[in-house]
N, C-alpha and C. Protein backbone atom coordinates (compact mmCIF):
# COMPACT_ATOMS: atom_id res chain seq x y z
N ALA A 1 -1.45 -37.78 275.86
CA ALA A 1 -0.39 -38.53 276.40
C ALA A 1 -0.90 -39.94 276.16
N ALA A 2 -0.15 -40.82 275.31
CA ALA A 2 -0.31 -42.26 275.30
C ALA A 2 0.29 -42.89 276.83
N GLU A 3 -0.24 -43.94 277.20
CA GLU A 3 0.49 -44.47 278.38
C GLU A 3 0.78 -45.88 277.82
N MET A 4 1.92 -46.38 278.39
CA MET A 4 2.10 -47.65 278.02
C MET A 4 1.40 -48.75 279.04
N ASP A 5 0.99 -49.98 278.57
CA ASP A 5 0.33 -50.69 279.72
C ASP A 5 1.55 -51.55 280.08
N ASP A 6 1.19 -52.55 281.11
CA ASP A 6 2.12 -53.42 281.54
C ASP A 6 3.03 -54.43 280.53
N SER A 7 2.31 -54.81 279.45
CA SER A 7 2.94 -55.61 278.50
C SER A 7 4.04 -54.84 277.51
N GLU A 8 3.69 -53.52 277.61
CA GLU A 8 4.69 -52.72 276.50
C GLU A 8 5.54 -52.04 277.35
N GLU A 9 5.33 -52.12 278.53
CA GLU A 9 6.46 -51.17 279.82
C GLU A 9 7.94 -51.58 279.45
N SER A 10 8.54 -50.89 279.02
CA SER A 10 10.05 -50.76 279.00
C SER A 10 10.82 -50.47 280.34
N SER A 11 12.40 -50.87 280.61
CA SER A 11 12.98 -50.73 281.54
C SER A 11 14.21 -50.14 281.09
N VAL A 12 14.59 -49.10 281.31
CA VAL A 12 16.11 -48.36 281.19
C VAL A 12 16.71 -48.67 282.08
N VAL A 13 17.91 -48.85 282.01
CA VAL A 13 19.00 -49.24 283.17
C VAL A 13 20.23 -48.36 282.85
N LEU A 14 20.61 -47.68 283.88
CA LEU A 14 21.74 -46.80 283.76
C LEU A 14 22.69 -47.18 284.63
N SER A 15 23.82 -47.30 283.96
CA SER A 15 24.96 -47.88 285.11
C SER A 15 26.02 -46.71 285.44
N HIS A 16 26.93 -47.08 286.63
CA HIS A 16 27.86 -46.25 286.78
C HIS A 16 29.07 -46.22 285.72
N ASN A 17 29.81 -44.91 285.67
CA ASN A 17 30.64 -44.93 284.37
C ASN A 17 32.00 -45.80 285.28
N THR A 18 32.52 -46.66 284.57
CA THR A 18 33.92 -47.44 285.23
C THR A 18 34.96 -46.52 285.14
N SER A 19 35.11 -45.62 284.21
CA SER A 19 36.23 -44.83 283.85
C SER A 19 36.16 -43.95 285.40
N LEU A 20 35.34 -43.78 286.00
CA LEU A 20 35.55 -42.69 287.27
C LEU A 20 36.07 -43.38 288.29
N GLY A 21 36.00 -44.78 288.46
CA GLY A 21 36.72 -45.96 289.30
C GLY A 21 35.64 -45.91 290.27
N SER A 22 34.38 -45.82 290.42
CA SER A 22 33.28 -45.90 291.42
C SER A 22 33.04 -47.42 291.83
N LYS A 23 32.32 -48.20 290.77
CA LYS A 23 31.80 -49.57 290.87
C LYS A 23 31.85 -50.15 289.74
N SER A 24 31.86 -51.49 289.42
CA SER A 24 31.94 -52.13 288.24
C SER A 24 30.47 -51.97 287.43
N SER A 25 30.81 -52.10 286.00
CA SER A 25 29.59 -51.61 285.01
C SER A 25 28.33 -52.34 285.31
N GLY A 26 28.46 -53.33 286.04
CA GLY A 26 26.97 -54.18 286.29
C GLY A 26 26.04 -53.70 287.24
N ASP A 27 26.64 -52.72 288.08
CA ASP A 27 25.97 -52.13 289.18
C ASP A 27 24.77 -51.24 288.71
N LYS A 28 23.50 -51.17 289.01
CA LYS A 28 22.40 -50.41 288.51
C LYS A 28 22.28 -49.06 289.41
N MET A 29 22.49 -47.83 288.80
CA MET A 29 22.37 -46.76 289.40
C MET A 29 20.67 -47.04 289.85
N PHE A 30 19.89 -46.63 288.98
CA PHE A 30 18.49 -46.88 289.03
C PHE A 30 17.78 -47.45 287.90
N SER A 31 16.61 -48.02 287.99
CA SER A 31 15.61 -48.56 286.95
C SER A 31 14.68 -47.78 286.84
N LEU A 32 14.39 -47.37 285.30
CA LEU A 32 13.29 -46.64 285.32
C LEU A 32 12.10 -47.39 284.75
N LYS A 33 11.04 -47.63 285.67
CA LYS A 33 9.98 -48.50 285.24
C LYS A 33 8.80 -47.65 284.47
N LYS A 34 8.55 -46.61 284.40
CA LYS A 34 7.69 -45.91 283.78
C LYS A 34 7.67 -44.62 283.42
N TRP A 35 7.32 -44.29 282.46
CA TRP A 35 7.56 -42.72 281.73
C TRP A 35 6.45 -42.41 281.15
N ASN A 36 5.83 -41.08 281.49
CA ASN A 36 4.39 -40.47 280.84
C ASN A 36 5.45 -39.16 280.23
N ALA A 37 5.18 -38.85 279.25
CA ALA A 37 5.41 -37.62 278.35
C ALA A 37 4.30 -36.50 278.45
N VAL A 38 4.25 -35.39 278.65
CA VAL A 38 3.29 -34.57 278.66
C VAL A 38 3.79 -33.18 277.70
N ALA A 39 2.91 -32.72 276.85
CA ALA A 39 3.42 -31.79 276.07
C ALA A 39 2.43 -30.67 276.24
N MET A 40 2.60 -29.33 276.05
CA MET A 40 2.01 -28.09 276.25
C MET A 40 2.05 -27.39 274.95
N TRP A 41 1.00 -26.71 274.48
CA TRP A 41 0.86 -25.85 273.38
C TRP A 41 -0.01 -24.79 273.47
N SER A 42 -0.04 -23.70 272.84
CA SER A 42 -1.19 -23.05 272.56
C SER A 42 -1.21 -22.17 271.18
N TRP A 43 -2.10 -21.61 270.96
CA TRP A 43 -2.27 -20.83 269.70
C TRP A 43 -1.37 -19.75 269.27
N ASP A 44 -0.92 -19.34 268.30
CA ASP A 44 -0.27 -18.27 267.95
C ASP A 44 -1.10 -16.98 267.60
N VAL A 45 -1.31 -16.32 268.64
CA VAL A 45 -2.30 -15.10 268.81
C VAL A 45 -1.87 -14.18 267.90
N GLU A 46 -1.01 -14.13 267.29
CA GLU A 46 -0.65 -12.96 266.13
C GLU A 46 -1.74 -13.08 264.82
N CYS A 47 -1.88 -14.47 264.74
CA CYS A 47 -2.78 -14.90 263.55
C CYS A 47 -4.00 -15.54 263.78
N ASP A 48 -4.38 -15.22 265.07
CA ASP A 48 -5.45 -16.06 265.57
C ASP A 48 -7.01 -15.33 265.10
N THR A 49 -8.11 -15.75 264.99
CA THR A 49 -9.43 -15.20 265.18
C THR A 49 -10.02 -15.56 266.24
N CYS A 50 -11.13 -14.49 266.62
CA CYS A 50 -11.92 -14.73 267.77
C CYS A 50 -12.87 -16.06 267.40
N ALA A 51 -12.99 -16.85 268.08
CA ALA A 51 -13.89 -17.77 267.81
C ALA A 51 -15.42 -17.67 267.82
N ILE A 52 -15.76 -16.51 268.52
CA ILE A 52 -17.09 -16.19 268.77
C ILE A 52 -17.38 -15.34 267.39
N CYS A 53 -16.94 -14.30 266.90
CA CYS A 53 -17.16 -13.45 265.78
C CYS A 53 -16.45 -13.75 264.57
N ARG A 54 -15.39 -14.25 264.73
CA ARG A 54 -14.48 -15.11 263.36
C ARG A 54 -13.80 -13.71 262.67
N VAL A 55 -13.59 -12.74 263.32
CA VAL A 55 -12.78 -11.53 263.11
C VAL A 55 -11.31 -11.64 263.69
N GLN A 56 -10.21 -11.41 263.11
CA GLN A 56 -8.95 -11.52 263.50
C GLN A 56 -8.78 -10.54 264.70
N VAL A 57 -8.23 -11.55 265.83
CA VAL A 57 -8.43 -10.88 266.94
C VAL A 57 -7.32 -9.62 267.45
N MET A 58 -6.01 -9.66 266.73
CA MET A 58 -5.10 -8.89 266.91
C MET A 58 -5.34 -7.64 265.67
N ALA A 59 -5.59 -8.06 264.83
CA ALA A 59 -5.82 -6.63 263.49
C ALA A 59 -7.06 -6.11 263.53
N ASP A 60 -8.32 -6.47 263.86
CA ASP A 60 -9.45 -5.86 263.79
C ASP A 60 -10.26 -5.52 264.96
N ALA A 61 -11.23 -4.76 265.12
CA ALA A 61 -12.50 -4.96 266.23
C ALA A 61 -13.00 -5.68 265.92
N CYS A 62 -13.95 -6.11 266.83
CA CYS A 62 -15.05 -7.31 266.74
C CYS A 62 -16.08 -6.56 265.82
N LEU A 63 -17.00 -7.58 265.50
CA LEU A 63 -18.15 -6.84 264.51
C LEU A 63 -19.12 -6.00 265.31
N ARG A 64 -19.27 -6.14 266.48
CA ARG A 64 -20.01 -5.35 267.32
C ARG A 64 -19.28 -3.92 267.30
N CYS A 65 -18.21 -3.88 267.58
CA CYS A 65 -17.62 -2.31 267.79
C CYS A 65 -17.40 -1.63 266.38
N GLN A 66 -17.24 -2.27 265.43
CA GLN A 66 -17.03 -2.13 264.07
C GLN A 66 -18.57 -1.60 263.49
N ALA A 67 -19.48 -1.98 263.82
CA ALA A 67 -20.98 -1.49 263.55
C ALA A 67 -21.29 -0.32 264.49
N GLU A 68 -20.75 -0.12 265.70
CA GLU A 68 -21.19 0.95 266.61
C GLU A 68 -19.94 1.98 266.35
N ASN A 69 -18.98 1.88 265.51
CA ASN A 69 -17.79 2.66 265.16
C ASN A 69 -16.86 3.10 266.73
N LYS A 70 -16.84 1.92 267.32
CA LYS A 70 -16.18 2.05 268.61
C LYS A 70 -14.73 1.06 268.46
N GLN A 71 -13.85 1.04 267.13
CA GLN A 71 -12.74 0.35 266.98
C GLN A 71 -11.71 0.21 268.06
N GLU A 72 -11.44 1.16 268.21
CA GLU A 72 -10.43 1.98 269.38
C GLU A 72 -10.70 1.43 270.74
N ASP A 73 -11.86 1.07 271.13
CA ASP A 73 -12.49 0.79 272.38
C ASP A 73 -12.35 -0.74 272.62
N CYS A 74 -12.23 -1.69 271.44
CA CYS A 74 -11.94 -2.97 271.45
C CYS A 74 -10.68 -3.60 271.73
N VAL A 75 -10.77 -4.32 272.84
CA VAL A 75 -9.45 -4.79 273.11
C VAL A 75 -9.55 -6.54 273.25
N VAL A 76 -8.21 -7.19 273.44
CA VAL A 76 -8.33 -8.62 273.71
C VAL A 76 -8.30 -9.08 274.85
N VAL A 77 -8.87 -10.07 275.10
CA VAL A 77 -8.63 -10.75 276.41
C VAL A 77 -8.40 -12.23 276.30
N TRP A 78 -7.26 -12.58 277.07
CA TRP A 78 -6.62 -14.04 277.09
C TRP A 78 -6.90 -14.64 278.11
N GLY A 79 -7.31 -15.80 278.23
CA GLY A 79 -7.69 -16.64 279.47
C GLY A 79 -6.52 -17.37 279.92
N GLU A 80 -6.61 -18.01 280.88
CA GLU A 80 -5.43 -19.02 281.63
C GLU A 80 -5.07 -19.94 280.40
N CYS A 81 -6.11 -20.37 279.56
CA CYS A 81 -5.75 -21.49 278.69
C CYS A 81 -5.09 -20.91 277.48
N ASN A 82 -4.71 -19.70 277.38
CA ASN A 82 -3.99 -19.19 276.41
C ASN A 82 -4.71 -18.97 274.95
N HIS A 83 -6.16 -18.93 275.27
CA HIS A 83 -6.96 -18.60 273.93
C HIS A 83 -7.33 -17.19 274.15
N SER A 84 -7.50 -16.46 272.84
CA SER A 84 -7.68 -15.15 272.94
C SER A 84 -8.94 -14.97 272.39
N PHE A 85 -9.62 -13.70 272.77
CA PHE A 85 -11.04 -13.36 271.73
C PHE A 85 -11.00 -11.90 272.22
N HIS A 86 -12.15 -11.23 271.74
CA HIS A 86 -12.42 -9.90 271.65
C HIS A 86 -12.83 -9.61 272.97
N ASN A 87 -12.80 -8.90 274.06
CA ASN A 87 -13.29 -8.59 275.29
C ASN A 87 -14.78 -8.34 275.10
N CYS A 88 -15.22 -7.56 274.09
CA CYS A 88 -16.86 -7.47 273.92
C CYS A 88 -17.62 -8.94 273.71
N CYS A 89 -16.65 -9.77 272.84
CA CYS A 89 -17.51 -10.99 272.57
C CYS A 89 -17.38 -11.82 273.85
N MET A 90 -16.29 -12.07 274.45
CA MET A 90 -16.33 -13.17 275.51
C MET A 90 -16.94 -12.40 276.48
N SER A 91 -17.22 -11.15 276.86
CA SER A 91 -18.12 -10.47 278.11
C SER A 91 -19.71 -11.22 277.77
N LEU A 92 -19.99 -11.14 276.82
CA LEU A 92 -21.20 -11.75 276.34
C LEU A 92 -21.44 -13.00 276.58
N TRP A 93 -20.20 -13.78 276.03
CA TRP A 93 -20.28 -15.31 275.79
C TRP A 93 -20.39 -16.07 277.60
N VAL A 94 -19.54 -15.43 278.31
CA VAL A 94 -19.52 -15.64 279.64
C VAL A 94 -20.81 -15.58 280.55
N LYS A 95 -21.80 -14.68 280.07
CA LYS A 95 -23.23 -14.47 280.63
C LYS A 95 -23.95 -15.60 280.53
N GLN A 96 -23.68 -16.56 279.58
CA GLN A 96 -24.31 -17.79 279.09
C GLN A 96 -23.38 -19.08 279.62
N ASN A 97 -22.32 -19.05 279.48
CA ASN A 97 -21.64 -19.98 279.59
C ASN A 97 -20.21 -19.71 280.16
N ASN A 98 -19.86 -19.94 281.19
CA ASN A 98 -18.44 -19.65 281.59
C ASN A 98 -17.23 -20.61 281.57
N ARG A 99 -17.36 -20.91 280.25
CA ARG A 99 -16.27 -21.63 279.67
C ARG A 99 -15.69 -21.19 278.64
N CYS A 100 -14.39 -21.48 278.05
CA CYS A 100 -13.78 -21.17 277.11
C CYS A 100 -14.40 -21.61 275.68
N PRO A 101 -14.85 -20.93 274.73
CA PRO A 101 -15.48 -21.66 273.29
C PRO A 101 -14.68 -22.57 273.01
N LEU A 102 -13.41 -22.66 273.02
CA LEU A 102 -12.68 -23.47 272.30
C LEU A 102 -12.28 -24.91 272.93
N CYS A 103 -11.79 -24.79 274.33
CA CYS A 103 -11.35 -25.82 274.95
C CYS A 103 -12.19 -26.33 276.25
N GLN A 104 -13.24 -25.49 276.43
CA GLN A 104 -14.31 -25.86 277.33
C GLN A 104 -13.74 -25.84 278.80
N GLN A 105 -12.40 -25.16 279.13
CA GLN A 105 -12.15 -25.16 280.59
C GLN A 105 -12.63 -24.14 281.07
N ASP A 106 -12.86 -23.82 282.33
CA ASP A 106 -13.58 -22.85 283.04
C ASP A 106 -12.95 -21.64 282.75
N TRP A 107 -13.42 -20.46 282.55
CA TRP A 107 -12.87 -19.41 281.84
C TRP A 107 -12.27 -18.54 283.03
N VAL A 108 -11.23 -18.25 283.02
CA VAL A 108 -10.38 -17.29 284.12
C VAL A 108 -9.46 -16.55 283.17
N VAL A 109 -9.57 -15.13 283.38
CA VAL A 109 -8.88 -14.13 282.67
C VAL A 109 -7.57 -14.20 282.91
N GLN A 110 -6.50 -14.45 281.89
CA GLN A 110 -5.08 -13.97 282.41
C GLN A 110 -4.75 -12.76 282.28
N ARG A 111 -5.13 -12.14 281.03
CA ARG A 111 -4.68 -10.52 280.92
C ARG A 111 -5.63 -10.04 279.93
N ILE A 112 -5.74 -8.70 279.81
CA ILE A 112 -6.63 -8.08 278.96
C ILE A 112 -5.82 -6.81 278.18
N GLY A 113 -5.69 -6.60 277.12
CA GLY A 113 -4.99 -5.54 276.46
C GLY A 113 -5.03 -5.45 275.04
N LYS A 114 -4.22 -4.80 274.21
CA LYS A 114 -4.19 -4.62 272.67
C LYS A 114 -2.96 -5.67 272.26
């Protein structure tokens, strides 16, 4: 989110509505001095791929489970950052690095499932 410095700062003034009969239109209800916008987004996990093994998360088992013929045992794990990976891949990853491979936030499991 980009912040405005003092030279770019704008002021928004809202006034009472005179049709309601409260005060004259010159009176300020409040003056907005600064405004910071925040946006959130997450990956669409239906077409996402595991960043560790590069196999589609929702469609196929990870490469290790495919090689060991354990496709039905391969489940997906979502972190609190909303990134998803095969649980097999992520369990090996966190042994070396307890951060999300995509955003580098501390890895905290949000849910596990298919």
